[in-house]
């Protein structure tokens, strides 16, 4: 309206119409996600992550979603930082000794990852996709979303065999996927450069550099956690700062932002017999990043991308889900699970979210043409599993009977899992490390499945 322009000119409001800027939209995303999350938690039996994701889906439907595999730098930074916190927490809950004590766990992990890779590649080739493009989609289909699995289990206060094996398997297949992405990038570089030596050098640099940075991060976090009281907000912020600095360094040096936090958590956990405990997501600041992560990932698609890749995305989702279910259920009894628990565990591996999105963005940054080819398919698959993935995890944990009783009341979903007795991330812990949770190696499948583990924060109790 002309009169509004006249008023704006008199009041020196420039430009007109006003541009609120990126900060306004970030805060709006935060408010929308937080509000929907609380409404979901208050009025349903579903975790808050469903509300966060729904806010992102609303943005995508309004035309504000990602337009392709390319991702704005600010959004990529938020996703990298938030996902790093979640992967570090996941890694810090996994003891590698459990794989030695129960080799069937490692067999299950390798089988579900390899079967997913082969099945998705074969299904997409059957659907007429180019072999190279099908391979890229298959690699990105391997990881189950550790972010979704970890967040949903914490929201529900879940604990037991299925919950802890879910954490273990998502950590391991994220590791496999990150290594697979490194190999894929090396192969693509070889195709581009025509020389194996530079491609091999990039592979070695990426993995060894990520491992070295992860070990440094684990060492620094261990020093801080042993010397400071983690009930103190300043100490927690220091831990958060260390993780964020490490990810910033990884980005600057072109290292893997997936491998660094995950390997750091694994290194930290396996240096001690006692599990490390700190507030969930390293306090409120980390919680804000995690909320934004789910909103952004929820908006990581457009109607145009769905129109282009929906059919192939559905093929990917179907083949992926079938492969993971068959592998986990086929080895369930051997690893000490009842058939019902095996079914539940297979369902918990359904989410495909932030990890695949980060891998897609990294591929697009280095090989943009290749990224544009696989982008619509992967984004469509992510869109199909945005709400279905968390719902599958929620239903599976209830099927396994591992959801805390308090989570069954829709009108009373606590803000912190510590109120439900979870030892993974209590709001206040009297010591930096709890008492040792030493458990013997399993002697048989029946002994392994006899009872759920006593500690939600330490997978050793559940797996041994």
Protein backbone atom coordinates (compact mmCIF):
# COMPACT_ATOMS: atom_id res chain seq x y z
CA UNK A 1 0.00 0.00 0.00
CA UNK A 2 1.28 3.45 -0.89
CA UNK A 3 0.41 5.00 2.46
CA UNK A 4 2.45 2.35 4.29
CA UNK A 5 5.43 3.15 2.09
CA UNK A 6 4.98 6.83 2.91
CA UNK A 7 4.89 6.08 6.65
CA UNK A 8 7.97 3.88 6.37
CA UNK A 9 9.80 6.65 4.51
CA UNK A 10 8.91 9.20 7.19
CA UNK A 11 10.02 6.83 9.97
CA UNK A 12 13.21 5.91 8.07
CA UNK A 13 12.31 2.21 8.00
CA UNK A 14 14.61 0.79 5.35
CA UNK A 15 14.35 -1.42 3.47
CA UNK A 16 10.61 -1.69 2.93
CA UNK A 17 9.10 -4.21 3.22
CA UNK A 18 11.42 -4.98 6.14
CA UNK A 19 13.80 -7.93 5.99
CA UNK A 20 13.91 -9.57 9.45
CA UNK A 21 17.13 -11.44 8.65
CA UNK A 22 18.40 -14.92 9.42
CA UNK A 23 18.28 -14.46 13.20
CA UNK A 24 14.52 -13.82 13.13
CA UNK A 25 13.85 -17.00 11.16
CA UNK A 26 16.14 -19.02 13.42
CA UNK A 27 14.29 -17.82 16.51
CA UNK A 28 10.95 -18.48 14.80
CA UNK A 29 12.06 -22.04 14.02
CA UNK A 30 13.13 -22.46 17.63
CA UNK A 31 9.80 -21.20 18.97
CA UNK A 32 7.72 -23.28 16.56
CA UNK A 33 9.70 -26.42 17.26
CA UNK A 34 9.67 -25.92 21.01
CA UNK A 35 5.93 -25.20 21.09
CA UNK A 36 4.97 -28.18 18.95
CA UNK A 37 7.34 -30.40 20.91
CA UNK A 38 5.72 -29.47 24.21
CA UNK A 39 2.22 -29.91 22.79
CA UNK A 40 3.12 -33.38 21.52
CA UNK A 41 4.67 -34.31 24.86
CA UNK A 42 1.71 -32.98 26.86
CA UNK A 43 -1.18 -34.38 24.88
CA UNK A 44 0.16 -37.60 23.35
CA UNK A 45 2.43 -40.47 24.30
CA UNK A 46 4.97 -39.44 21.69
CA UNK A 47 8.39 -37.85 22.31
CA UNK A 48 9.05 -34.16 21.72
CA UNK A 49 11.19 -34.90 18.68
CA UNK A 50 7.94 -35.54 16.78
CA UNK A 51 6.91 -31.94 17.38
CA UNK A 52 10.32 -30.59 16.42
CA UNK A 53 10.21 -32.54 13.17
CA UNK A 54 6.62 -31.49 12.46
CA UNK A 55 7.69 -27.85 12.67
CA UNK A 56 10.33 -28.53 10.03
CA UNK A 57 7.82 -30.34 7.83
CA UNK A 58 5.58 -27.29 8.04
CA UNK A 59 8.46 -25.14 6.79
CA UNK A 60 9.07 -27.53 3.89
CA UNK A 61 5.39 -27.51 2.91
CA UNK A 62 5.41 -23.70 2.95
CA UNK A 63 8.26 -23.68 0.45
CA UNK A 64 11.07 -22.94 2.90
CA UNK A 65 12.76 -26.35 2.72
CA UNK A 66 16.14 -27.19 1.19
CA UNK A 67 16.00 -26.87 -2.58
CA UNK A 68 18.54 -29.61 -3.26
CA UNK A 69 21.62 -31.40 -1.97
CA UNK A 70 23.38 -28.06 -1.46
CA UNK A 71 23.01 -26.68 2.04
CA UNK A 72 23.54 -23.07 3.22
CA UNK A 73 26.66 -22.71 5.33
CA UNK A 74 24.81 -21.53 8.44
CA UNK A 75 22.43 -24.52 8.40
CA UNK A 76 25.28 -26.96 7.79
CA UNK A 77 27.14 -25.48 10.77
CA UNK A 78 24.14 -25.91 13.09
CA UNK A 79 23.62 -29.49 11.93
CA UNK A 80 27.31 -30.34 12.32
CA UNK A 81 27.48 -28.92 15.85
CA UNK A 82 24.23 -30.45 17.09
CA UNK A 83 24.89 -33.84 15.53
CA UNK A 84 28.39 -33.80 17.02
CA UNK A 85 26.92 -33.50 20.53
CA UNK A 86 24.57 -36.43 19.93
CA UNK A 87 27.23 -38.63 18.32
CA UNK A 88 29.69 -37.88 21.12
CA UNK A 89 27.08 -38.88 23.70
CA UNK A 90 26.25 -42.05 21.75
CA UNK A 91 29.91 -43.00 21.41
CA UNK A 92 30.51 -42.40 25.12
CA UNK A 93 27.92 -45.09 25.93
CA UNK A 94 29.51 -47.90 23.92
CA UNK A 95 32.16 -50.30 25.20
CA UNK A 96 34.00 -52.18 22.49
CA UNK A 97 34.71 -55.03 24.92
CA UNK A 98 31.06 -56.04 24.65
CA UNK A 99 31.63 -56.99 21.02
CA UNK A 100 34.38 -59.35 22.13
CA UNK A 101 32.23 -60.80 24.91
CA UNK A 102 29.29 -61.36 22.57
CA UNK A 103 30.64 -61.77 19.00
CA UNK A 104 27.11 -62.17 17.65
CA UNK A 105 26.59 -58.45 18.30
CA UNK A 106 29.40 -57.59 15.91
CA UNK A 107 28.07 -60.13 13.41
CA UNK A 108 24.62 -58.53 13.62
CA UNK A 109 26.08 -55.07 13.12
CA UNK A 110 28.16 -56.06 10.10
CA UNK A 111 25.32 -58.12 8.60
CA UNK A 112 22.70 -55.38 8.79
CA UNK A 113 25.08 -52.77 7.33
CA UNK A 114 26.30 -54.96 4.47
CA UNK A 115 22.85 -56.34 3.68
CA UNK A 116 21.45 -52.80 3.62
CA UNK A 117 24.17 -51.69 1.21
CA UNK A 118 23.70 -54.65 -1.14
CA UNK A 119 19.89 -54.70 -1.00
CA UNK A 120 19.41 -50.97 -1.57
CA UNK A 121 21.93 -50.97 -4.42
CA UNK A 122 20.24 -53.97 -6.03
CA UNK A 123 16.74 -52.52 -5.63
CA UNK A 124 17.72 -49.18 -7.16
CA UNK A 125 19.50 -50.93 -10.03
CA UNK A 126 16.33 -52.98 -10.59
CA UNK A 127 14.42 -49.69 -10.71
CA UNK A 128 16.67 -48.52 -13.54
CA UNK A 129 19.14 -46.29 -11.71
CA UNK A 130 22.73 -45.87 -12.87
CA UNK A 131 25.16 -48.14 -10.93
CA UNK A 132 27.27 -45.26 -9.58
CA UNK A 133 24.23 -43.30 -8.42
CA UNK A 134 22.70 -46.42 -6.87
CA UNK A 135 25.94 -47.02 -4.97
CA UNK A 136 25.91 -43.50 -3.52
CA UNK A 137 22.31 -43.87 -2.40
CA UNK A 138 23.11 -47.26 -0.86
CA UNK A 139 26.02 -45.87 1.16
CA UNK A 140 23.83 -43.06 2.51
CA UNK A 141 21.12 -45.59 3.40
CA UNK A 142 23.38 -47.59 5.72
CA UNK A 143 23.26 -45.44 8.90
CA UNK A 144 20.25 -45.49 11.16
CA UNK A 145 19.80 -42.09 12.73
CA UNK A 146 21.71 -42.12 16.01
CA UNK A 147 20.24 -38.69 16.74
CA UNK A 148 16.64 -39.93 16.55
CA UNK A 149 17.33 -43.21 18.36
CA UNK A 150 19.17 -41.55 21.21
CA UNK A 151 16.69 -38.72 21.64
CA UNK A 152 13.58 -40.92 21.54
CA UNK A 153 15.01 -43.42 24.03
CA UNK A 154 15.90 -40.61 26.43
CA UNK A 155 12.48 -38.98 26.10
CA UNK A 156 10.76 -42.28 26.84
CA UNK A 157 13.15 -43.22 29.63
CA UNK A 158 13.71 -46.54 27.87
CA UNK A 159 16.19 -49.07 29.27
CA UNK A 160 16.95 -52.69 28.54
CA UNK A 161 18.30 -55.13 25.97
CA UNK A 162 16.70 -53.59 22.90
CA UNK A 163 17.42 -49.99 23.90
CA UNK A 164 21.10 -50.55 24.53
CA UNK A 165 21.62 -52.70 21.45
CA UNK A 166 19.89 -50.00 19.42
CA UNK A 167 22.44 -47.48 20.70
CA UNK A 168 25.29 -49.87 19.90
CA UNK A 169 24.08 -50.69 16.38
CA UNK A 170 23.36 -47.06 15.45
CA UNK A 171 26.82 -46.05 16.65
CA UNK A 172 28.48 -48.81 14.64
CA UNK A 173 26.54 -48.32 11.42
CA UNK A 174 27.20 -44.58 11.61
CA UNK A 175 30.89 -45.47 11.83
CA UNK A 176 30.59 -47.83 8.85
CA UNK A 177 28.71 -45.20 6.84
CA UNK A 178 31.30 -42.51 7.54
CA UNK A 179 34.06 -44.87 6.43
CA UNK A 180 32.00 -45.87 3.40
CA UNK A 181 31.54 -42.21 2.49
CA UNK A 182 35.30 -41.72 2.69
CA UNK A 183 35.83 -44.67 0.33
CA UNK A 184 33.13 -43.40 -2.02
CA UNK A 185 34.72 -39.96 -2.14
CA UNK A 186 38.08 -41.57 -2.85
CA UNK A 187 36.60 -43.59 -5.71
CA UNK A 188 34.92 -40.50 -7.17
CA UNK A 189 38.20 -38.59 -6.89
CA UNK A 190 39.96 -41.44 -8.68
CA UNK A 191 37.39 -41.24 -11.46
CA UNK A 192 37.99 -37.47 -11.69
CA UNK A 193 41.78 -37.33 -11.27
CA UNK A 194 42.60 -40.57 -13.03
CA UNK A 195 45.39 -41.27 -10.52
CA UNK A 196 45.06 -43.55 -7.51
CA UNK A 197 47.82 -41.88 -5.46
CA UNK A 198 46.02 -38.56 -4.73
CA UNK A 199 42.79 -40.45 -4.04
CA UNK A 200 44.57 -42.77 -1.61
CA UNK A 201 46.26 -39.80 0.07
CA UNK A 202 42.89 -38.14 0.63
CA UNK A 203 41.50 -41.33 2.13
CA UNK A 204 44.38 -41.66 4.57
CA UNK A 205 44.31 -37.99 5.50
CA UNK A 206 40.58 -37.98 6.17
CA UNK A 207 40.56 -41.05 8.38
CA UNK A 208 43.86 -40.61 10.22
CA UNK A 209 43.29 -36.89 10.71
CA UNK A 210 39.80 -37.51 12.09
CA UNK A 211 41.14 -40.21 14.41
CA UNK A 212 43.92 -37.97 15.72
CA UNK A 213 41.56 -35.07 16.37
CA UNK A 214 39.11 -37.44 18.08
CA UNK A 215 41.83 -38.74 20.42
CA UNK A 216 42.83 -35.18 21.34
CA UNK A 217 39.19 -34.29 22.05
CA UNK A 218 38.70 -37.41 24.18
CA UNK A 219 41.83 -36.61 26.18
CA UNK A 220 40.75 -33.01 26.85
CA UNK A 221 37.19 -33.97 27.78
CA UNK A 222 38.52 -36.65 30.13
CA UNK A 223 40.80 -34.14 31.87
CA UNK A 224 37.96 -31.66 32.35
CA UNK A 225 35.49 -34.31 33.53
CA UNK A 226 37.90 -35.68 36.13
CA UNK A 227 38.88 -32.33 37.59
CA UNK A 228 35.65 -30.36 37.55
CA UNK A 229 32.22 -30.90 39.07
CA UNK A 230 29.83 -31.50 36.19
CA UNK A 231 26.92 -30.25 38.30
CA UNK A 232 28.45 -26.83 37.68
CA UNK A 233 27.07 -25.08 34.59
CA UNK A 234 30.44 -23.54 33.80
CA UNK A 235 32.12 -26.96 33.69
CA UNK A 236 29.43 -28.28 31.37
CA UNK A 237 29.85 -25.26 29.09
CA UNK A 238 33.56 -26.00 28.96
CA UNK A 239 32.84 -29.55 27.78
CA UNK A 240 30.39 -28.20 25.22
CA UNK A 241 32.99 -25.71 24.04
CA UNK A 242 35.60 -28.43 23.57
CA UNK A 243 33.28 -30.48 21.36
CA UNK A 244 32.26 -27.44 19.31
CA UNK A 245 35.87 -26.31 18.84
CA UNK A 246 36.84 -29.80 17.67
CA UNK A 247 34.05 -29.79 15.08
CA UNK A 248 35.05 -26.32 13.90
CA UNK A 249 38.63 -27.54 13.47
CA UNK A 250 37.38 -30.63 11.62
CA UNK A 251 35.39 -28.43 9.23
CA UNK A 252 38.38 -26.15 8.65
CA UNK A 253 40.70 -29.09 7.92
CA UNK A 254 38.16 -30.96 5.74
CA UNK A 255 37.97 -33.87 8.19
CA UNK A 256 34.88 -35.95 8.92
CA UNK A 257 32.44 -34.17 11.22
CA UNK A 258 30.80 -37.57 11.80
CA UNK A 259 33.90 -39.57 12.67
CA UNK A 260 35.50 -37.02 15.01
CA UNK A 261 32.76 -36.84 17.71
CA UNK A 262 31.82 -40.52 17.44
CA UNK A 263 35.41 -41.76 17.71
CA UNK A 264 36.08 -39.29 20.52
CA UNK A 265 33.14 -40.64 22.51
CA UNK A 266 34.27 -44.22 21.88
CA UNK A 267 37.84 -43.41 22.93
CA UNK A 268 36.67 -41.66 26.09
CA UNK A 269 34.37 -44.52 27.12
CA UNK A 270 36.88 -47.27 26.48
CA UNK A 271 39.67 -45.66 28.50
CA UNK A 272 37.82 -46.31 31.75
CA UNK A 273 35.78 -49.08 33.35
CA UNK A 274 33.34 -46.47 34.62
CA UNK A 275 30.80 -44.72 32.38
CA UNK A 276 30.97 -40.94 32.08
CA UNK A 277 27.91 -38.94 33.06
CA UNK A 278 26.98 -35.34 32.29
CA UNK A 279 23.74 -33.40 31.68
CA UNK A 280 21.94 -34.40 28.51
CA UNK A 281 23.24 -32.57 25.42
CA UNK A 282 25.71 -30.73 27.70
CA UNK A 283 23.04 -28.51 29.19
CA UNK A 284 20.60 -25.95 27.84
CA UNK A 285 22.87 -24.55 25.12
CA UNK A 286 23.33 -27.97 23.58
CA UNK A 287 19.61 -28.65 23.92
CA UNK A 288 18.85 -25.59 21.79
CA UNK A 289 21.19 -26.85 19.07
CA UNK A 290 19.56 -30.29 19.13
CA UNK A 291 16.09 -28.77 18.82
CA UNK A 292 17.22 -26.73 15.81
CA UNK A 293 18.78 -29.87 14.32
CA UNK A 294 15.46 -31.71 14.19
CA UNK A 295 13.60 -28.68 12.84
CA UNK A 296 16.17 -28.17 10.08
CA UNK A 297 16.27 -31.84 9.13
CA UNK A 298 12.47 -31.88 9.11
CA UNK A 299 12.56 -29.11 6.50
CA UNK A 300 15.24 -30.82 4.38
CA UNK A 301 13.06 -31.45 1.35
CA UNK A 302 10.79 -29.68 -1.10
CA UNK A 303 7.74 -30.66 -3.08
CA UNK A 304 9.89 -30.43 -6.23
CA UNK A 305 12.38 -32.92 -4.76
CA UNK A 306 9.54 -35.26 -3.85
CA UNK A 307 8.10 -35.04 -7.35
CA UNK A 308 11.49 -35.99 -8.79
CA UNK A 309 12.65 -38.68 -6.39
CA UNK A 310 9.62 -39.97 -4.49
CA UNK A 311 9.29 -43.30 -6.32
CA UNK A 312 12.98 -44.18 -6.05
CA UNK A 313 13.02 -42.86 -2.50
CA UNK A 314 10.20 -45.25 -1.62
CA UNK A 315 12.16 -48.13 -3.19
CA UNK A 316 15.17 -47.15 -1.08
CA UNK A 317 13.11 -46.99 2.12
CA UNK A 318 11.44 -50.34 1.49
CA UNK A 319 14.65 -52.18 0.60
CA UNK A 320 16.51 -50.61 3.50
CA UNK A 321 13.88 -51.48 6.08
CA UNK A 322 13.56 -55.05 4.84
CA UNK A 323 17.33 -55.59 4.89
CA UNK A 324 17.76 -54.30 8.43
CA UNK A 325 14.83 -56.34 9.74
CA UNK A 326 16.01 -59.56 8.10
CA UNK A 327 19.58 -59.19 9.32
CA UNK A 328 18.68 -58.34 12.91
CA UNK A 329 15.91 -60.91 13.26
CA UNK A 330 18.00 -63.60 11.58
CA UNK A 331 20.76 -63.23 14.18
CA UNK A 332 18.55 -62.31 17.14
CA UNK A 333 18.56 -65.69 18.89
CA UNK A 334 22.28 -66.17 18.27
CA UNK A 335 23.00 -62.85 20.00
CA UNK A 336 20.68 -63.65 22.90
CA UNK A 337 17.38 -62.00 21.94
CA UNK A 338 13.90 -63.47 21.77
CA UNK A 339 12.10 -63.15 18.38
CA UNK A 340 9.92 -60.33 19.69
CA UNK A 341 12.98 -58.43 20.87
CA UNK A 342 14.66 -59.05 17.51
CA UNK A 343 11.66 -57.57 15.71
CA UNK A 344 11.70 -54.54 18.00
CA UNK A 345 15.43 -54.03 17.51
CA UNK A 346 15.06 -54.19 13.73
CA UNK A 347 12.32 -51.55 13.83
CA UNK A 348 14.49 -49.18 15.88
CA UNK A 349 16.93 -48.98 12.96
CA UNK A 350 14.30 -47.40 10.68
CA UNK A 351 15.10 -43.66 11.11
CA UNK A 352 17.07 -41.99 8.31
CA UNK A 353 17.79 -38.42 9.24
CA UNK A 354 20.62 -36.03 10.07
CA UNK A 355 23.52 -38.41 9.41
CA UNK A 356 22.41 -39.10 5.83
CA UNK A 357 21.76 -35.39 5.28
CA UNK A 358 25.28 -34.45 6.42
CA UNK A 359 26.78 -37.15 4.20
CA UNK A 360 24.75 -35.88 1.24
CA UNK A 361 25.91 -32.30 1.84
CA UNK A 362 29.56 -33.41 2.03
CA UNK A 363 29.24 -35.34 -1.23
CA UNK A 364 27.61 -32.38 -2.95
CA UNK A 365 30.31 -29.98 -1.74
CA UNK A 366 33.09 -32.03 -3.37
CA UNK A 367 31.23 -33.62 -6.29
CA UNK A 368 28.28 -31.29 -7.04
CA UNK A 369 27.11 -33.08 -10.19
CA UNK A 370 27.02 -36.40 -8.38
CA UNK A 371 25.29 -34.81 -5.40
CA UNK A 372 22.57 -33.40 -7.62
CA UNK A 373 21.88 -36.86 -9.05
CA UNK A 374 21.41 -38.62 -5.71
CA UNK A 375 19.96 -35.60 -3.86
CA UNK A 376 16.25 -35.94 -4.78
CA UNK A 377 16.26 -39.68 -3.99
CA UNK A 378 17.93 -39.33 -0.59
CA UNK A 379 15.91 -36.25 0.38
CA UNK A 380 12.70 -38.07 -0.57
CA UNK A 381 13.71 -41.04 1.58
CA UNK A 382 14.46 -38.71 4.49
CA UNK A 383 11.07 -37.03 4.02
CA UNK A 384 9.25 -40.38 4.04
CA UNK A 385 10.92 -41.34 7.33
CA UNK A 386 10.75 -37.95 9.07
CA UNK A 387 7.81 -38.97 11.25
CA UNK A 388 7.70 -42.69 10.46
CA UNK A 389 11.22 -43.21 11.84
CA UNK A 390 10.64 -41.81 15.35
CA UNK A 391 7.25 -43.52 15.44
CA UNK A 392 8.92 -46.85 14.62
CA UNK A 393 11.46 -46.39 17.42
CA UNK A 394 8.71 -45.44 19.88
CA UNK A 395 6.53 -48.42 18.90
CA UNK A 396 9.49 -50.81 18.99
CA UNK A 397 10.59 -49.78 22.48
CA UNK A 398 7.01 -50.20 23.71
CA UNK A 399 6.81 -53.59 21.98
CA UNK A 400 9.96 -54.62 23.82
CA UNK A 401 8.44 -53.46 27.12
CA UNK A 402 11.33 -51.11 27.87
CA UNK A 403 9.52 -47.77 28.16
CA UNK A 404 9.42 -46.22 31.63
CA UNK A 405 5.93 -46.20 33.23
CA UNK A 406 5.93 -42.40 33.51
CA UNK A 407 6.18 -42.15 29.73
CA UNK A 408 2.80 -43.87 29.37
CA UNK A 409 0.94 -40.87 30.76
CA UNK A 410 0.41 -38.36 27.94
CA UNK A 411 -0.27 -35.47 30.30
CA UNK A 412 2.95 -35.90 32.19
CA UNK A 413 6.13 -36.15 30.12
CA UNK A 414 9.06 -34.86 32.17
CA UNK A 415 11.52 -32.46 30.63
CA UNK A 416 14.51 -34.42 31.84
CA UNK A 417 14.96 -38.16 31.59
CA UNK A 418 16.67 -38.05 34.99
CA UNK A 419 13.22 -37.72 36.61
CA UNK A 420 12.42 -41.20 35.35
CA UNK A 421 15.52 -42.71 36.84
CA UNK A 422 17.71 -42.65 33.69
CA UNK A 423 21.39 -42.68 34.51
CA UNK A 424 22.43 -41.63 31.04
CA UNK A 425 22.12 -37.93 31.54
CA UNK A 426 20.90 -36.83 34.94
CA UNK A 427 20.44 -33.17 35.53
CA UNK A 428 22.70 -33.33 38.55
CA UNK A 429 25.07 -36.12 39.40
CA UNK A 430 27.00 -36.15 42.67
CA UNK A 431 30.18 -37.32 40.97
CA UNK A 432 31.80 -37.06 37.59
CA UNK A 433 31.78 -40.85 37.19
CA UNK A 434 29.40 -43.31 38.83
CA UNK A 435 30.45 -46.54 40.42
CA UNK A 436 31.99 -49.15 38.22
CA UNK A 437 29.48 -51.18 36.21
CA UNK A 438 31.53 -54.27 35.64
CA UNK A 439 29.72 -57.17 34.05
CA UNK A 440 30.96 -60.62 33.04
CA UNK A 441 31.04 -61.80 29.49
CA UNK A 442 27.93 -63.68 28.36
CA UNK A 443 28.17 -67.42 28.64
CA UNK A 444 25.25 -68.35 26.41
CA UNK A 445 22.42 -66.87 24.41
CA UNK A 446 19.92 -67.72 27.10
CA UNK A 447 22.02 -66.06 29.75
CA UNK A 448 22.35 -62.99 27.63
CA UNK A 449 18.63 -62.56 27.18
CA UNK A 450 17.65 -63.44 30.70
CA UNK A 451 17.10 -59.92 31.90
CA UNK A 452 17.58 -56.35 30.75
CA UNK A 453 20.69 -54.49 31.78
CA UNK A 454 20.67 -52.55 35.03
CA UNK A 455 22.19 -49.38 33.70
CA UNK A 456 20.65 -47.24 30.98
CA UNK A 457 23.81 -45.17 30.80
CA UNK A 458 26.12 -48.14 30.32
CA UNK A 459 25.38 -50.66 27.63
CA UNK A 460 27.57 -53.24 29.29
CA UNK A 461 24.87 -54.21 31.73
CA UNK A 462 22.37 -54.84 28.98
CA UNK A 463 24.58 -56.69 26.58
CA UNK A 464 26.49 -58.97 28.91
